[in-house]
N, C-alpha and C. Protein backbone atom coordinates (compact mmCIF):
# COMPACT_ATOMS: atom_id res chain seq x y z
N UNK A 1 113.74 139.15 96.92
CA UNK A 1 112.80 138.96 98.03
C UNK A 1 112.46 140.34 98.55
N UNK A 2 111.17 140.49 98.73
CA UNK A 2 110.61 141.74 99.22
C UNK A 2 110.85 141.96 100.73
N UNK A 3 110.95 143.09 101.32
CA UNK A 3 111.14 143.27 102.73
C UNK A 3 110.14 142.56 103.55
N UNK A 4 108.82 142.69 103.04
CA UNK A 4 107.67 142.00 103.77
C UNK A 4 107.91 140.55 103.84
N UNK A 5 108.45 139.97 102.75
CA UNK A 5 108.60 138.45 102.80
C UNK A 5 109.64 138.15 103.74
N UNK A 6 110.75 138.99 103.77
CA UNK A 6 111.90 138.61 104.67
C UNK A 6 111.42 138.79 106.11
N UNK A 7 110.59 139.78 106.47
CA UNK A 7 110.07 139.97 107.89
C UNK A 7 109.13 138.71 108.19
N UNK A 8 108.53 138.17 107.31
CA UNK A 8 107.55 137.12 107.55
C UNK A 8 108.39 135.84 107.82
N UNK A 9 109.53 135.50 107.12
CA UNK A 9 110.37 134.50 107.39
C UNK A 9 111.17 134.63 108.69
N UNK A 10 111.66 135.75 109.04
CA UNK A 10 112.34 136.00 110.27
C UNK A 10 111.45 135.79 111.39
N UNK A 11 110.20 135.97 111.41
CA UNK A 11 109.32 135.89 112.42
C UNK A 11 108.99 134.29 112.81
N UNK A 12 109.41 133.50 111.83
CA UNK A 12 109.11 132.06 111.85
C UNK A 12 110.26 131.33 112.74
N UNK A 13 109.99 130.30 113.29
CA UNK A 13 111.15 129.49 113.94
C UNK A 13 111.90 128.85 112.92
N UNK A 14 113.25 128.61 113.23
CA UNK A 14 114.11 127.67 112.35
C UNK A 14 113.36 126.30 112.27
N UNK A 15 113.63 125.65 111.12
CA UNK A 15 112.96 124.34 110.87
C UNK A 15 113.79 123.65 109.87
N UNK A 16 113.23 122.56 109.34
CA UNK A 16 113.89 121.78 108.43
C UNK A 16 114.08 122.57 106.99
N UNK A 17 113.28 123.59 106.86
CA UNK A 17 113.25 124.39 105.64
C UNK A 17 113.68 125.78 105.87
N UNK A 18 114.06 126.10 107.00
CA UNK A 18 114.47 127.53 107.40
C UNK A 18 115.66 127.53 108.31
N UNK A 19 116.82 128.21 107.93
CA UNK A 19 117.87 128.25 108.74
C UNK A 19 118.49 129.67 108.77
N UNK A 20 118.80 130.18 110.00
CA UNK A 20 119.34 131.42 110.27
C UNK A 20 120.91 131.31 110.53
N UNK A 21 121.73 132.17 110.05
CA UNK A 21 123.09 132.17 110.43
C UNK A 21 123.45 133.66 110.84
N UNK A 22 124.27 133.87 111.79
CA UNK A 22 124.52 135.35 112.13
C UNK A 22 125.72 135.73 111.28
N UNK A 23 126.46 134.87 110.91
CA UNK A 23 127.70 135.29 109.95
C UNK A 23 127.67 134.47 108.63
N UNK A 24 128.50 134.91 107.65
CA UNK A 24 128.47 134.23 106.41
C UNK A 24 129.21 132.89 106.74
N UNK A 25 128.58 131.77 106.47
CA UNK A 25 129.32 130.59 106.68
C UNK A 25 130.43 130.31 105.70
N UNK A 26 131.20 129.34 105.92
CA UNK A 26 132.24 129.01 104.94
C UNK A 26 131.63 128.38 103.78
N UNK A 27 132.22 128.45 102.59
CA UNK A 27 131.64 127.80 101.37
C UNK A 27 131.19 126.38 101.60
N UNK A 28 132.02 125.68 102.33
CA UNK A 28 131.70 124.11 102.57
C UNK A 28 130.40 124.05 103.44
N UNK A 29 130.27 124.96 104.42
CA UNK A 29 129.05 124.91 105.31
C UNK A 29 127.69 125.30 104.53
N UNK A 30 127.95 126.26 103.54
CA UNK A 30 126.84 126.68 102.77
C UNK A 30 126.46 125.51 101.77
N UNK A 31 127.45 124.89 101.26
CA UNK A 31 127.20 123.71 100.41
C UNK A 31 126.48 122.66 101.01
N UNK A 32 126.83 122.32 102.27
CA UNK A 32 126.18 121.32 103.12
C UNK A 32 124.70 121.69 103.32
N UNK A 33 124.43 122.93 103.84
CA UNK A 33 123.24 123.23 104.07
C UNK A 33 122.33 123.26 102.89
N UNK A 34 122.74 123.85 101.79
CA UNK A 34 121.90 123.88 100.51
C UNK A 34 121.69 122.49 99.99
N UNK A 35 122.65 121.61 100.16
CA UNK A 35 122.51 120.23 99.71
C UNK A 35 121.45 119.58 100.46
N UNK A 36 121.40 119.78 101.71
CA UNK A 36 120.35 119.21 102.73
C UNK A 36 119.02 119.75 102.29
N UNK A 37 118.86 121.00 101.95
CA UNK A 37 117.68 121.55 101.51
C UNK A 37 117.23 120.91 100.19
N UNK A 38 118.20 120.79 99.25
CA UNK A 38 117.88 120.18 97.91
C UNK A 38 117.48 118.72 97.92
N UNK A 39 118.01 118.02 99.00
CA UNK A 39 117.62 116.53 99.09
C UNK A 39 116.35 116.33 99.96
N UNK A 40 115.66 117.52 100.43
CA UNK A 40 114.47 117.33 101.00
C UNK A 40 113.33 118.13 100.35
N UNK A 41 112.69 118.99 101.06
CA UNK A 41 111.62 119.87 100.47
C UNK A 41 112.16 121.26 100.04
N UNK A 42 113.36 121.43 99.96
CA UNK A 42 113.85 122.69 99.71
C UNK A 42 114.01 123.58 101.04
N UNK A 43 114.35 124.86 100.86
CA UNK A 43 114.57 125.59 102.10
C UNK A 43 115.14 127.02 101.81
N UNK A 44 115.32 127.67 102.85
CA UNK A 44 115.84 129.07 102.80
C UNK A 44 116.91 129.21 103.86
N UNK A 45 118.10 129.70 103.51
CA UNK A 45 119.14 130.06 104.35
C UNK A 45 119.25 131.64 104.44
N UNK A 46 119.07 132.26 105.60
CA UNK A 46 119.11 133.64 105.79
C UNK A 46 120.28 134.00 106.71
N UNK A 47 121.21 134.74 106.11
CA UNK A 47 122.40 135.29 106.83
C UNK A 47 122.15 136.68 107.44
N UNK A 48 122.75 136.77 108.64
CA UNK A 48 122.44 138.12 109.39
C UNK A 48 121.32 138.11 110.34
N UNK A 49 120.83 136.86 110.65
CA UNK A 49 119.75 136.73 111.62
C UNK A 49 120.14 135.64 112.80
N UNK A 50 119.87 136.00 113.96
CA UNK A 50 120.13 135.13 114.98
C UNK A 50 118.88 134.10 115.07
N UNK A 51 119.17 132.92 115.70
CA UNK A 51 117.99 132.04 116.03
C UNK A 51 117.05 132.84 116.90
N UNK A 52 115.80 132.71 116.64
CA UNK A 52 114.80 133.44 117.39
C UNK A 52 114.30 134.72 116.73
N UNK A 53 115.00 134.98 115.53
CA UNK A 53 114.46 136.00 114.63
C UNK A 53 115.07 137.36 114.84
N UNK A 54 116.08 137.54 115.66
CA UNK A 54 116.78 138.89 115.81
C UNK A 54 117.62 139.18 114.65
N UNK A 55 117.33 140.29 113.94
CA UNK A 55 118.13 140.71 112.71
C UNK A 55 119.38 141.41 113.32
N UNK A 56 120.56 140.89 112.92
CA UNK A 56 121.83 141.52 113.32
C UNK A 56 122.59 142.06 112.23
N UNK A 57 122.27 141.64 111.03
CA UNK A 57 123.06 142.03 109.92
C UNK A 57 124.36 141.35 109.61
N UNK A 58 125.14 141.80 108.77
CA UNK A 58 126.53 141.16 108.49
C UNK A 58 127.47 142.31 108.56
N UNK A 59 128.69 142.09 109.02
CA UNK A 59 129.73 143.17 109.01
C UNK A 59 130.14 143.66 107.65
N UNK A 60 130.29 142.76 106.74
CA UNK A 60 130.69 143.26 105.33
C UNK A 60 129.74 142.69 104.34
N UNK A 61 128.73 143.55 103.91
CA UNK A 61 127.76 143.14 102.98
C UNK A 61 128.44 142.63 101.64
N UNK A 62 129.53 143.15 101.26
CA UNK A 62 130.21 142.69 99.98
C UNK A 62 130.79 141.19 100.13
N UNK A 63 131.20 140.92 101.29
CA UNK A 63 131.63 139.68 101.58
C UNK A 63 130.45 138.62 101.45
N UNK A 64 129.31 139.01 102.05
CA UNK A 64 128.11 138.10 101.98
C UNK A 64 127.66 137.83 100.59
N UNK A 65 127.84 138.88 99.76
CA UNK A 65 127.40 138.66 98.37
C UNK A 65 128.48 137.73 97.47
N UNK A 66 129.68 137.79 97.93
CA UNK A 66 130.79 137.04 97.25
C UNK A 66 130.54 135.57 97.39
N UNK A 67 129.97 135.03 98.42
CA UNK A 67 130.03 133.63 98.77
C UNK A 67 129.00 132.91 97.97
């Protein structure tokens, strides 16, 4: 994803197809969220963003990639 695309998504409110998480969720929570997206219209899960679009990052980027 290009930075421009990410900024566009972060500027949008959360919805049925867009979810923000401030921390890396547990694998089971990721599975539930992605399953919900898959069973509807699809969606995007962005980690390191607060509801409202504030980018806060993640403490350990390597951990975020491992999940």
